[in-house]
Amino acid sequence: MTTEQSSFAICLANEGYDDLEVWKIYRLLPDPKAAEVGCLRVIDESGEEYLYPASHFVQVTFPADVREQLLATVGKREK
């Protein structure tokens, strides 16, 4: 699964990364170059986008209505 197919991932591990919470759903941003080196571009707890090891996440897909609700919620938090 690529980040183009999935806009979200669940954090499975956060060792060494204070801006990640285990079991939290994070929004992903497409970044083919990051994927080439085994990373994902994630909007983390700081509200900024950073690269993290893909091994720390599992990418997930949701039904369209759930995805829309998640994106709306993320948009409110980022303002």
Protein backbone atom coordinates (compact mmCIF):
# COMPACT_ATOMS: atom_id res chain seq x y z
CA MET A 1 0.00 0.00 0.00
CA THR A 2 1.37 3.43 -0.87
CA THR A 3 0.69 6.78 0.77
CA GLU A 4 -1.24 7.74 -2.38
CA GLN A 5 -3.72 4.94 -1.58
CA SER A 6 -3.83 5.61 2.14
CA SER A 7 -4.04 9.01 3.78
CA PHE A 8 -3.72 7.64 7.30
CA ALA A 9 -1.51 5.39 9.40
CA ILE A 10 -1.61 4.07 12.95
CA CYS A 11 1.57 4.50 14.99
CA LEU A 12 2.87 1.17 16.31
CA ALA A 13 6.09 2.37 17.94
CA ASN A 14 7.51 5.71 19.03
CA GLU A 15 10.94 4.91 20.47
CA GLY A 16 13.09 7.99 20.02
CA TYR A 17 10.24 10.14 18.70
CA ASP A 18 8.52 12.31 21.32
CA ASP A 19 6.06 13.75 18.78
CA LEU A 20 4.35 10.39 18.13
CA GLU A 21 1.76 8.57 20.23
CA VAL A 22 1.40 4.80 19.95
CA TRP A 23 -2.01 3.65 18.60
CA LYS A 24 -2.89 7.13 17.37
CA ILE A 25 -4.09 7.69 13.80
CA TYR A 26 -1.86 10.09 11.86
CA ARG A 27 -2.41 11.81 8.55
CA LEU A 28 0.09 10.94 5.82
CA LEU A 29 1.25 13.18 3.03
CA PRO A 30 2.39 11.74 -0.31
CA ASP A 31 6.18 11.65 -0.62
CA PRO A 32 7.55 9.14 -3.14
CA LYS A 33 11.18 10.00 -2.30
CA ALA A 34 10.58 9.30 1.39
CA ALA A 35 8.99 5.96 0.49
CA GLU A 36 12.11 5.03 -1.50
CA VAL A 37 14.15 5.20 1.71
CA GLY A 38 11.57 3.45 3.92
CA CYS A 39 9.98 6.55 5.44
CA LEU A 40 6.55 8.17 5.61
CA ARG A 41 5.78 11.89 5.71
CA VAL A 42 3.55 12.27 8.78
CA ILE A 43 1.81 15.23 10.40
CA ASP A 44 2.82 14.59 14.00
CA GLU A 45 1.79 15.96 17.42
CA SER A 46 3.62 19.22 16.76
CA GLY A 47 1.25 19.84 13.84
CA GLU A 48 4.20 19.84 11.45
CA GLU A 49 5.12 17.28 8.82
CA TYR A 50 8.21 15.14 9.36
CA LEU A 51 9.68 11.94 8.02
CA TYR A 52 9.46 8.86 10.21
CA PRO A 53 10.44 5.23 9.61
CA ALA A 54 7.59 3.40 7.86
CA SER A 55 8.25 0.47 10.22
CA HIS A 56 6.76 2.56 13.05
CA PHE A 57 3.35 2.62 11.32
CA VAL A 58 0.72 0.52 9.65
CA GLN A 59 -1.07 2.28 6.80
CA VAL A 60 -4.85 2.01 6.90
CA THR A 61 -7.76 2.81 4.65
CA PHE A 62 -11.21 3.82 5.77
CA PRO A 63 -14.59 4.01 4.07
CA ALA A 64 -15.13 7.34 2.29
CA ASP A 65 -17.46 8.75 4.98
CA VAL A 66 -15.00 7.96 7.78
CA ARG A 67 -12.10 9.37 5.76
CA GLU A 68 -14.02 12.62 5.20
CA GLN A 69 -14.76 12.92 8.92
CA LEU A 70 -11.11 12.30 9.81
CA LEU A 71 -9.91 14.88 7.30
CA ALA A 72 -12.44 17.41 8.63
CA THR A 73 -11.24 16.78 12.19
CA VAL A 74 -7.59 17.13 11.19
CA GLY A 75 -8.37 20.37 9.37
CA LYS A 76 -9.90 21.85 12.53
CA ARG A 77 -6.86 20.88 14.61
CA GLU A 78 -4.41 22.40 12.13
CA LYS A 79 -6.03 25.85 12.19
